[in-house]
Amino acid sequence: MATGDIGKPQLALEVNREAIPPINLFTMFRLGLFQMGLGIMSLLTLGVLNRVMIDELRVPASIAAGAIANRGSLKRY
């Protein structure tokens, strides 16, 4: 990197737009349905986990909610 390039932003990866194939509407719809299915499965799993922790294991609801919320925040990274 030369000293004259300090003020210029640099891209870590330059994308060749011609190399990326276009996505048609049907493929986008399928990808959206897949993401929706993952969200529904996650919702059901976390709901069961919440109920088991509160009713069966006698964990206070605030701790159970905090554990589930913490899992959701860590999933983004």
C-alpha atoms as a PDB file:
ATOM      1  CA  MET A   1       0.000   0.000   0.000  1.00  0.00           C
ATOM      2  CA  ALA A   2       1.484   3.287  -1.053  1.00  0.00           C
ATOM      3  CA  THR A   3       1.288   6.392   1.099  1.00  0.00           C
ATOM      4  CA  GLY A   4      -0.938   8.087  -1.477  1.00  0.00           C
ATOM      5  CA  ASP A   5      -3.604   5.382  -1.024  1.00  0.00           C
ATOM      6  CA  ILE A   6      -4.246   6.032   2.678  1.00  0.00           C
ATOM      7  CA  GLY A   7      -7.390   8.114   2.201  1.00  0.00           C
ATOM      8  CA  LYS A   8      -8.903   5.821  -0.436  1.00  0.00           C
ATOM      9  CA  PRO A   9     -11.222   3.008   0.679  1.00  0.00           C
ATOM     10  CA  GLN A  10     -10.164  -0.428  -0.434  1.00  0.00           C
ATOM     11  CA  LEU A  11     -12.392  -3.402  -1.029  1.00  0.00           C
ATOM     12  CA  ALA A  12     -11.225  -6.658   0.476  1.00  0.00           C
ATOM     13  CA  LEU A  13     -12.755  -8.611  -2.383  1.00  0.00           C
ATOM     14  CA  GLU A  14     -13.721  -7.197  -5.729  1.00  0.00           C
ATOM     15  CA  VAL A  15     -16.771  -8.896  -7.175  1.00  0.00           C
ATOM     16  CA  ASN A  16     -17.047  -9.563 -10.880  1.00  0.00           C
ATOM     17  CA  ARG A  17     -20.737  -8.923 -11.577  1.00  0.00           C
ATOM     18  CA  GLU A  18     -20.605 -10.885 -14.822  1.00  0.00           C
ATOM     19  CA  ALA A  19     -19.461 -14.056 -13.035  1.00  0.00           C
ATOM     20  CA  ILE A  20     -22.530 -14.144 -10.744  1.00  0.00           C
ATOM     21  CA  PRO A  21     -25.493 -15.838 -12.421  1.00  0.00           C
ATOM     22  CA  PRO A  22     -28.852 -14.100 -12.057  1.00  0.00           C
ATOM     23  CA  ILE A  23     -31.357 -15.631  -9.633  1.00  0.00           C
ATOM     24  CA  ASN A  24     -34.831 -16.070 -11.018  1.00  0.00           C
ATOM     25  CA  LEU A  25     -38.005 -15.505  -9.036  1.00  0.00           C
ATOM     26  CA  PHE A  26     -38.715 -19.209  -8.462  1.00  0.00           C
ATOM     27  CA  THR A  27     -35.259 -19.799  -6.943  1.00  0.00           C
ATOM     28  CA  MET A  28     -35.679 -16.772  -4.699  1.00  0.00           C
ATOM     29  CA  PHE A  29     -39.056 -18.098  -3.564  1.00  0.00           C
ATOM     30  CA  ARG A  30     -37.530 -21.514  -2.769  1.00  0.00           C
ATOM     31  CA  LEU A  31     -34.725 -19.911  -0.749  1.00  0.00           C
ATOM     32  CA  GLY A  32     -37.274 -17.851   1.157  1.00  0.00           C
ATOM     33  CA  LEU A  33     -39.348 -20.943   1.933  1.00  0.00           C
ATOM     34  CA  PHE A  34     -36.236 -22.714   3.199  1.00  0.00           C
ATOM     35  CA  GLN A  35     -35.414 -19.817   5.526  1.00  0.00           C
ATOM     36  CA  MET A  36     -39.016 -19.723   6.726  1.00  0.00           C
ATOM     37  CA  GLY A  37     -38.880 -23.455   7.476  1.00  0.00           C
ATOM     38  CA  LEU A  38     -35.696 -23.012   9.489  1.00  0.00           C
ATOM     39  CA  GLY A  39     -37.310 -20.201  11.450  1.00  0.00           C
ATOM     40  CA  ILE A  40     -40.399 -22.291  12.224  1.00  0.00           C
ATOM     41  CA  MET A  41     -38.280 -25.261  13.351  1.00  0.00           C
ATOM     42  CA  SER A  42     -36.221 -22.966  15.571  1.00  0.00           C
ATOM     43  CA  LEU A  43     -39.375 -21.459  17.047  1.00  0.00           C
ATOM     44  CA  LEU A  44     -40.830 -24.880  17.881  1.00  0.00           C
ATOM     45  CA  THR A  45     -37.556 -26.180  19.314  1.00  0.00           C
ATOM     46  CA  LEU A  46     -37.012 -23.139  21.512  1.00  0.00           C
ATOM     47  CA  GLY A  47     -40.634 -23.221  22.664  1.00  0.00           C
ATOM     48  CA  VAL A  48     -40.263 -26.825  23.812  1.00  0.00           C
ATOM     49  CA  LEU A  49     -36.916 -26.040  25.440  1.00  0.00           C
ATOM     50  CA  ASN A  50     -38.479 -23.091  27.254  1.00  0.00           C
ATOM     51  CA  ARG A  51     -41.392 -25.192  28.516  1.00  0.00           C
ATOM     52  CA  VAL A  52     -39.112 -28.034  29.677  1.00  0.00           C
ATOM     53  CA  MET A  53     -36.779 -25.665  31.490  1.00  0.00           C
ATOM     54  CA  ILE A  54     -39.613 -23.867  33.284  1.00  0.00           C
ATOM     55  CA  ASP A  55     -42.013 -26.736  34.076  1.00  0.00           C
ATOM     56  CA  GLU A  56     -39.852 -29.843  34.350  1.00  0.00           C
ATOM     57  CA  LEU A  57     -36.512 -28.477  35.562  1.00  0.00           C
ATOM     58  CA  ARG A  58     -38.064 -25.713  37.709  1.00  0.00           C
ATOM     59  CA  VAL A  59     -35.750 -23.061  36.299  1.00  0.00           C
ATOM     60  CA  PRO A  60     -37.086 -19.535  36.915  1.00  0.00           C
ATOM     61  CA  ALA A  61     -38.724 -18.080  33.811  1.00  0.00           C
ATOM     62  CA  SER A  62     -36.420 -15.047  33.713  1.00  0.00           C
ATOM     63  CA  ILE A  63     -33.313 -17.277  33.600  1.00  0.00           C
ATOM     64  CA  ALA A  64     -34.859 -19.501  30.918  1.00  0.00           C
ATOM     65  CA  ALA A  65     -35.819 -16.454  28.826  1.00  0.00           C
ATOM     66  CA  GLY A  66     -32.341 -14.988  29.267  1.00  0.00           C
ATOM     67  CA  ALA A  67     -30.695 -18.227  28.156  1.00  0.00           C
ATOM     68  CA  ILE A  68     -32.848 -18.402  25.034  1.00  0.00           C
ATOM     69  CA  ALA A  69     -32.302 -14.701  24.255  1.00  0.00           C
ATOM     70  CA  ASN A  70     -28.545 -15.134  24.686  1.00  0.00           C
ATOM     71  CA  ARG A  71     -28.578 -18.042  22.244  1.00  0.00           C
ATOM     72  CA  GLY A  72     -30.333 -15.857  19.676  1.00  0.00           C
ATOM     73  CA  SER A  73     -27.850 -13.028  20.034  1.00  0.00           C
ATOM     74  CA  LEU A  74     -24.849 -15.347  19.684  1.00  0.00           C
ATOM     75  CA  LYS A  75     -26.277 -16.981  16.569  1.00  0.00           C
ATOM     76  CA  ARG A  76     -25.751 -13.825  14.498  1.00  0.00           C
ATOM     77  CA  TYR A  77     -21.964 -13.924  14.857  1.00  0.00           C
END
